[in-house]
Each structure stands twice: as structure tokens, then as C-alpha cells.
Amino acid sequence: MGMVMRRGCHLVVMIALAGLLPSAGVAETETKSKDDPGELICRSEPVLGSRLVKKKYCLTRSQWDERRASDRQIIERSQMTPCLPTRSSNC
């Protein structure tokens, strides 16, 4: 039973890391201005579990930065917090 719970914890961390690591399938559209926080940037990211399907996300530069920071916080929190299964949580 402990092995299944560990796999669940590792799966959560792997999914969170997948959003941070640059992948070969990610296409990014950028223009000349790299400082404009309101600039719209579109990226195509692969859908987990599929080799063919990609989903296009269009966010402003500041929204991408917020998403990256949020993902980083989730990863750091999961690395610092031990996985302790309880009745209400399986980690």
C-alpha cells in the first residue's frame, strides 16, 4: 500500500515539472518587444497522454510569468513537505 502512495506523490511532482521544462513540442510566438507585460504570447503544448494532440494557450507575458512562478512554488512546496497519507488525503 505504501508503494502505491509513493507513486501518487511522484506522479504529482512529475506533472508539475512537466509544465516547467521546455519541451521540443512547444512553439512560441514572440515579437520585437520583450519588455511589454501586456504582449500576447501563444504557445502550443502537448496534451499529457497523447503524442499527437497539442493545445494552444494564449496569455500575456505577465500571465506566463505568474504561471511559471506558481508552478515553481508548487514544486518547491511538494519537495519540502513530506508525503504523509491520512484518511482524507492519499498525498
Protein backbone atom coordinates (compact mmCIF):
# COMPACT_ATOMS: atom_id res chain seq x y z
CA MET A 1 0.00 0.00 0.00
CA GLY A 2 2.90 2.36 0.78
CA MET A 3 4.36 1.86 -2.70
CA VAL A 4 1.11 2.98 -4.35
CA MET A 5 1.04 6.15 -2.25
CA ARG A 6 4.64 6.95 -3.13
CA ARG A 7 3.84 6.60 -6.82
CA GLY A 8 0.97 9.05 -6.36
CA CYS A 9 3.31 11.62 -4.79
CA HIS A 10 5.88 11.17 -7.52
CA LEU A 11 3.21 11.48 -10.20
CA VAL A 12 2.07 14.85 -8.82
CA VAL A 13 5.64 16.16 -8.83
CA MET A 14 6.26 14.88 -12.36
CA ILE A 15 3.11 16.55 -13.67
CA ALA A 16 4.10 19.83 -12.03
CA LEU A 17 7.59 19.59 -13.50
CA ALA A 18 6.21 18.91 -16.97
CA GLY A 19 4.80 22.42 -17.04
CA LEU A 20 8.18 23.99 -16.25
CA LEU A 21 10.53 22.14 -18.51
CA PRO A 22 10.88 23.30 -22.09
CA SER A 23 9.79 20.60 -24.46
CA ALA A 24 10.60 20.01 -28.09
CA GLY A 25 6.91 20.32 -28.98
CA VAL A 26 6.45 23.82 -27.54
CA ALA A 27 6.22 26.55 -30.13
CA GLU A 28 6.40 30.15 -29.01
CA THR A 29 5.46 33.30 -30.88
CA GLU A 30 7.42 36.37 -29.89
CA THR A 31 7.66 39.85 -31.33
CA LYS A 32 10.30 42.57 -31.06
CA SER A 33 9.32 43.92 -27.63
CA LYS A 34 10.45 41.65 -24.78
CA ASP A 35 9.60 44.11 -22.00
CA ASP A 36 5.88 44.67 -22.68
CA PRO A 37 3.92 42.81 -19.93
CA GLY A 38 0.70 43.10 -21.96
CA GLU A 39 2.14 41.41 -25.04
CA LEU A 40 0.14 38.32 -26.04
CA ILE A 41 2.22 35.16 -26.41
CA CYS A 42 0.78 31.92 -27.79
CA ARG A 43 2.31 28.51 -27.13
CA SER A 44 1.33 25.05 -28.32
CA GLU A 45 1.86 22.44 -25.63
CA PRO A 46 1.40 18.69 -25.95
CA VAL A 47 -1.55 17.15 -24.12
CA LEU A 48 -0.48 14.62 -21.48
CA GLY A 49 -1.20 11.08 -22.60
CA SER A 50 -1.22 11.91 -26.30
CA ARG A 51 1.59 12.05 -28.81
CA LEU A 52 -0.41 13.85 -31.46
CA VAL A 53 -2.75 16.32 -29.76
CA LYS A 54 -1.49 19.78 -28.85
CA LYS A 55 -3.36 22.58 -27.16
CA LYS A 56 -2.73 26.24 -27.88
CA TYR A 57 -2.55 28.64 -24.93
CA CYS A 58 -2.51 32.40 -25.44
CA LEU A 59 -1.62 34.51 -22.39
CA THR A 60 0.05 37.85 -21.80
CA ARG A 61 3.71 37.94 -20.86
CA SER A 62 2.84 38.80 -17.26
CA GLN A 63 0.36 35.89 -17.07
CA TRP A 64 3.04 33.47 -18.34
CA ASP A 65 5.41 34.83 -15.66
CA GLU A 66 2.75 34.35 -12.95
CA ARG A 67 2.07 30.81 -14.16
CA ARG A 68 5.79 29.96 -14.13
CA ALA A 69 6.18 31.37 -10.58
CA SER A 70 3.09 29.50 -9.36
CA ASP A 71 4.32 26.21 -10.85
CA ARG A 72 7.72 26.75 -9.22
CA GLN A 73 6.10 27.36 -5.81
CA ILE A 74 4.06 24.16 -6.13
CA ILE A 75 7.18 22.15 -6.92
CA GLU A 76 9.17 23.67 -4.06
CA ARG A 77 6.30 23.10 -1.62
CA SER A 78 5.94 19.46 -2.68
CA GLN A 79 9.67 18.89 -2.29
CA MET A 80 9.73 20.39 1.21
CA THR A 81 6.57 18.73 2.54
CA PRO A 82 6.75 15.04 3.40
CA CYS A 83 4.06 12.81 1.97
CA LEU A 84 2.03 11.67 4.98
CA PRO A 85 -1.10 9.76 3.98
CA THR A 86 -4.20 10.25 6.11
CA ARG A 87 -7.80 9.14 5.82
CA SER A 88 -8.77 12.26 3.87
CA SER A 89 -5.59 12.54 1.78
CA ASN A 90 -3.59 10.00 -0.18
CA CYS A 91 -0.88 12.57 -0.97
